[in-house]
Amino acid sequence: MGIYKDTDELKKMFEAEQVFKAADEKELASRKAGLAKVNMPEDVFAKFEDLVSALSPENLSCDGELPKSQIQARYKQLTAQWKQLEKQLGRTITEDEIWDAIIARSR
């Protein structure tokens, strides 16, 4: 009877592994779809990539070292650059689209 219990546990572990594998494959497919969706010249993508990094809270505030007025000024400048790139492409781009593309390209 002990072998059946071990076999059942092994079967459950295998099934759980398959669920995780399917979820990983689904996420990878989603990320690749995000990359295809971005579809922009490499130099423009590189600018968005720089901006999305610069807009992160820790970078925007220099790890909390900047006064609020300078953070707001930096945010305004960076978002203006983002809007210029969107205008150049003729469509709106979200930060999530850029992050999805960054992740998809890294795989």
C-alpha atoms as a PDB file:
ATOM      1  CA  MET A   1       0.000   0.000   0.000  1.00  0.00           C
ATOM      2  CA  GLY A   2       2.928   2.340   0.684  1.00  0.00           C
ATOM      3  CA  ILE A   3       3.983   2.271  -2.964  1.00  0.00           C
ATOM      4  CA  TYR A   4       0.521   3.429  -4.074  1.00  0.00           C
ATOM      5  CA  LYS A   5       0.666   6.366  -1.715  1.00  0.00           C
ATOM      6  CA  ASP A   6       4.085   7.329  -3.068  1.00  0.00           C
ATOM      7  CA  THR A   7       2.827   6.872  -6.638  1.00  0.00           C
ATOM      8  CA  ASP A   8      -0.187   9.062  -5.929  1.00  0.00           C
ATOM      9  CA  GLU A   9       2.047  11.751  -4.443  1.00  0.00           C
ATOM     10  CA  LEU A  10       4.368  11.518  -7.437  1.00  0.00           C
ATOM     11  CA  LYS A  11       1.399  11.807  -9.791  1.00  0.00           C
ATOM     12  CA  LYS A  12       0.168  14.922  -7.936  1.00  0.00           C
ATOM     13  CA  MET A  13       3.638  16.478  -8.108  1.00  0.00           C
ATOM     14  CA  PHE A  14       3.821  15.754 -11.848  1.00  0.00           C
ATOM     15  CA  GLU A  15       0.379  17.268 -12.441  1.00  0.00           C
ATOM     16  CA  ALA A  16       1.332  20.383 -10.467  1.00  0.00           C
ATOM     17  CA  GLU A  17       4.522  20.689 -12.503  1.00  0.00           C
ATOM     18  CA  GLN A  18       2.493  20.486 -15.713  1.00  0.00           C
ATOM     19  CA  VAL A  19       0.192  23.257 -14.498  1.00  0.00           C
ATOM     20  CA  PHE A  20       3.180  25.508 -13.767  1.00  0.00           C
ATOM     21  CA  LYS A  21       4.773  24.657 -17.119  1.00  0.00           C
ATOM     22  CA  ALA A  22       1.548  25.522 -18.962  1.00  0.00           C
ATOM     23  CA  ALA A  23       1.324  28.827 -17.074  1.00  0.00           C
ATOM     24  CA  ASP A  24       4.933  29.653 -17.985  1.00  0.00           C
ATOM     25  CA  GLU A  25       4.278  28.848 -21.645  1.00  0.00           C
ATOM     26  CA  LYS A  26       1.142  30.981 -21.610  1.00  0.00           C
ATOM     27  CA  GLU A  27       3.059  33.900 -20.055  1.00  0.00           C
ATOM     28  CA  LEU A  28       5.861  33.545 -22.617  1.00  0.00           C
ATOM     29  CA  ALA A  29       3.334  33.542 -25.473  1.00  0.00           C
ATOM     30  CA  SER A  30       1.700  36.637 -23.985  1.00  0.00           C
ATOM     31  CA  ARG A  31       5.060  38.402 -23.704  1.00  0.00           C
ATOM     32  CA  LYS A  32       5.949  37.509 -27.306  1.00  0.00           C
ATOM     33  CA  ALA A  33       2.581  38.855 -28.418  1.00  0.00           C
ATOM     34  CA  GLY A  34       3.381  42.043 -26.527  1.00  0.00           C
ATOM     35  CA  LEU A  35       6.685  42.321 -28.357  1.00  0.00           C
ATOM     36  CA  ALA A  36       5.015  41.871 -31.721  1.00  0.00           C
ATOM     37  CA  LYS A  37       2.382  44.426 -30.761  1.00  0.00           C
ATOM     38  CA  VAL A  38       4.986  47.109 -30.021  1.00  0.00           C
ATOM     39  CA  ASN A  39       6.265  47.008 -33.617  1.00  0.00           C
ATOM     40  CA  MET A  40       8.389  50.144 -33.832  1.00  0.00           C
ATOM     41  CA  PRO A  41      11.837  51.095 -35.087  1.00  0.00           C
ATOM     42  CA  GLU A  42      14.637  49.902 -32.805  1.00  0.00           C
ATOM     43  CA  ASP A  43      15.901  53.422 -32.089  1.00  0.00           C
ATOM     44  CA  VAL A  44      12.431  54.549 -30.986  1.00  0.00           C
ATOM     45  CA  PHE A  45      12.027  51.448 -28.836  1.00  0.00           C
ATOM     46  CA  ALA A  46      15.403  52.188 -27.209  1.00  0.00           C
ATOM     47  CA  LYS A  47      14.175  55.687 -26.313  1.00  0.00           C
ATOM     48  CA  PHE A  48      10.989  54.274 -24.768  1.00  0.00           C
ATOM     49  CA  GLU A  49      13.105  51.745 -22.895  1.00  0.00           C
ATOM     50  CA  ASP A  50      15.243  54.551 -21.451  1.00  0.00           C
ATOM     51  CA  LEU A  51      12.159  56.550 -20.519  1.00  0.00           C
ATOM     52  CA  VAL A  52      10.340  53.673 -18.831  1.00  0.00           C
ATOM     53  CA  SER A  53      13.415  53.118 -16.692  1.00  0.00           C
ATOM     54  CA  ALA A  54      13.808  56.823 -15.912  1.00  0.00           C
ATOM     55  CA  LEU A  55      10.141  57.002 -14.889  1.00  0.00           C
ATOM     56  CA  SER A  56      10.467  54.341 -12.210  1.00  0.00           C
ATOM     57  CA  PRO A  57       9.970  55.872  -8.760  1.00  0.00           C
ATOM     58  CA  GLU A  58      13.501  55.176  -7.545  1.00  0.00           C
ATOM     59  CA  ASN A  59      15.090  56.661 -10.668  1.00  0.00           C
ATOM     60  CA  LEU A  60      12.672  59.552 -10.900  1.00  0.00           C
ATOM     61  CA  SER A  61      13.394  60.626  -7.336  1.00  0.00           C
ATOM     62  CA  CYS A  62      17.090  59.607  -7.318  1.00  0.00           C
ATOM     63  CA  ASP A  63      16.257  57.134  -4.554  1.00  0.00           C
ATOM     64  CA  GLY A  64      14.331  59.776  -2.630  1.00  0.00           C
ATOM     65  CA  GLU A  65      17.164  62.303  -2.680  1.00  0.00           C
ATOM     66  CA  LEU A  66      15.428  64.952  -4.811  1.00  0.00           C
ATOM     67  CA  PRO A  67      12.952  67.493  -3.497  1.00  0.00           C
ATOM     68  CA  LYS A  68       9.372  67.152  -4.667  1.00  0.00           C
ATOM     69  CA  SER A  69       9.675  70.132  -7.027  1.00  0.00           C
ATOM     70  CA  GLN A  70      12.589  68.540  -8.894  1.00  0.00           C
ATOM     71  CA  ILE A  71      10.797  65.190  -9.072  1.00  0.00           C
ATOM     72  CA  GLN A  72       7.754  66.898 -10.592  1.00  0.00           C
ATOM     73  CA  ALA A  73       9.939  68.786 -13.085  1.00  0.00           C
ATOM     74  CA  ARG A  74      11.712  65.564 -14.122  1.00  0.00           C
ATOM     75  CA  TYR A  75       8.390  63.750 -14.460  1.00  0.00           C
ATOM     76  CA  LYS A  76       6.998  66.527 -16.647  1.00  0.00           C
ATOM     77  CA  GLN A  77      10.096  66.495 -18.865  1.00  0.00           C
ATOM     78  CA  LEU A  78      10.129  62.702 -19.235  1.00  0.00           C
ATOM     79  CA  THR A  79       6.411  62.429 -19.973  1.00  0.00           C
ATOM     80  CA  ALA A  80       6.753  65.183 -22.579  1.00  0.00           C
ATOM     81  CA  GLN A  81       9.457  63.119 -24.275  1.00  0.00           C
ATOM     82  CA  TRP A  82       7.189  60.063 -24.095  1.00  0.00           C
ATOM     83  CA  LYS A  83       4.338  62.000 -25.746  1.00  0.00           C
ATOM     84  CA  GLN A  84       6.708  63.186 -28.501  1.00  0.00           C
ATOM     85  CA  LEU A  85       7.618  59.588 -29.277  1.00  0.00           C
ATOM     86  CA  GLU A  86       3.950  58.594 -29.291  1.00  0.00           C
ATOM     87  CA  LYS A  87       3.237  61.448 -31.688  1.00  0.00           C
ATOM     88  CA  GLN A  88       6.080  60.258 -33.898  1.00  0.00           C
ATOM     89  CA  LEU A  89       4.547  56.759 -33.979  1.00  0.00           C
ATOM     90  CA  GLY A  90       0.993  58.018 -34.321  1.00  0.00           C
ATOM     91  CA  ARG A  91      -0.357  55.995 -31.407  1.00  0.00           C
ATOM     92  CA  THR A  92      -0.408  55.688 -27.630  1.00  0.00           C
ATOM     93  CA  ILE A  93       2.153  53.420 -25.981  1.00  0.00           C
ATOM     94  CA  THR A  94       1.758  52.148 -22.419  1.00  0.00           C
ATOM     95  CA  GLU A  95       4.572  51.411 -19.996  1.00  0.00           C
ATOM     96  CA  ASP A  96       3.261  47.836 -19.807  1.00  0.00           C
ATOM     97  CA  GLU A  97       3.767  47.422 -23.564  1.00  0.00           C
ATOM     98  CA  ILE A  98       7.370  48.508 -23.243  1.00  0.00           C
ATOM     99  CA  TRP A  99       8.025  46.289 -20.206  1.00  0.00           C
ATOM    100  CA  ASP A 100       6.416  43.307 -21.990  1.00  0.00           C
ATOM    101  CA  ALA A 101       8.659  43.902 -24.991  1.00  0.00           C
ATOM    102  CA  ILE A 102      11.747  44.261 -22.800  1.00  0.00           C
ATOM    103  CA  ILE A 103      10.970  40.976 -21.070  1.00  0.00           C
ATOM    104  CA  ALA A 104      10.152  39.210 -24.353  1.00  0.00           C
ATOM    105  CA  ARG A 105      13.429  40.349 -25.886  1.00  0.00           C
ATOM    106  CA  SER A 106      15.386  39.088 -22.913  1.00  0.00           C
ATOM    107  CA  ARG A 107      14.086  35.520 -23.351  1.00  0.00           C
END
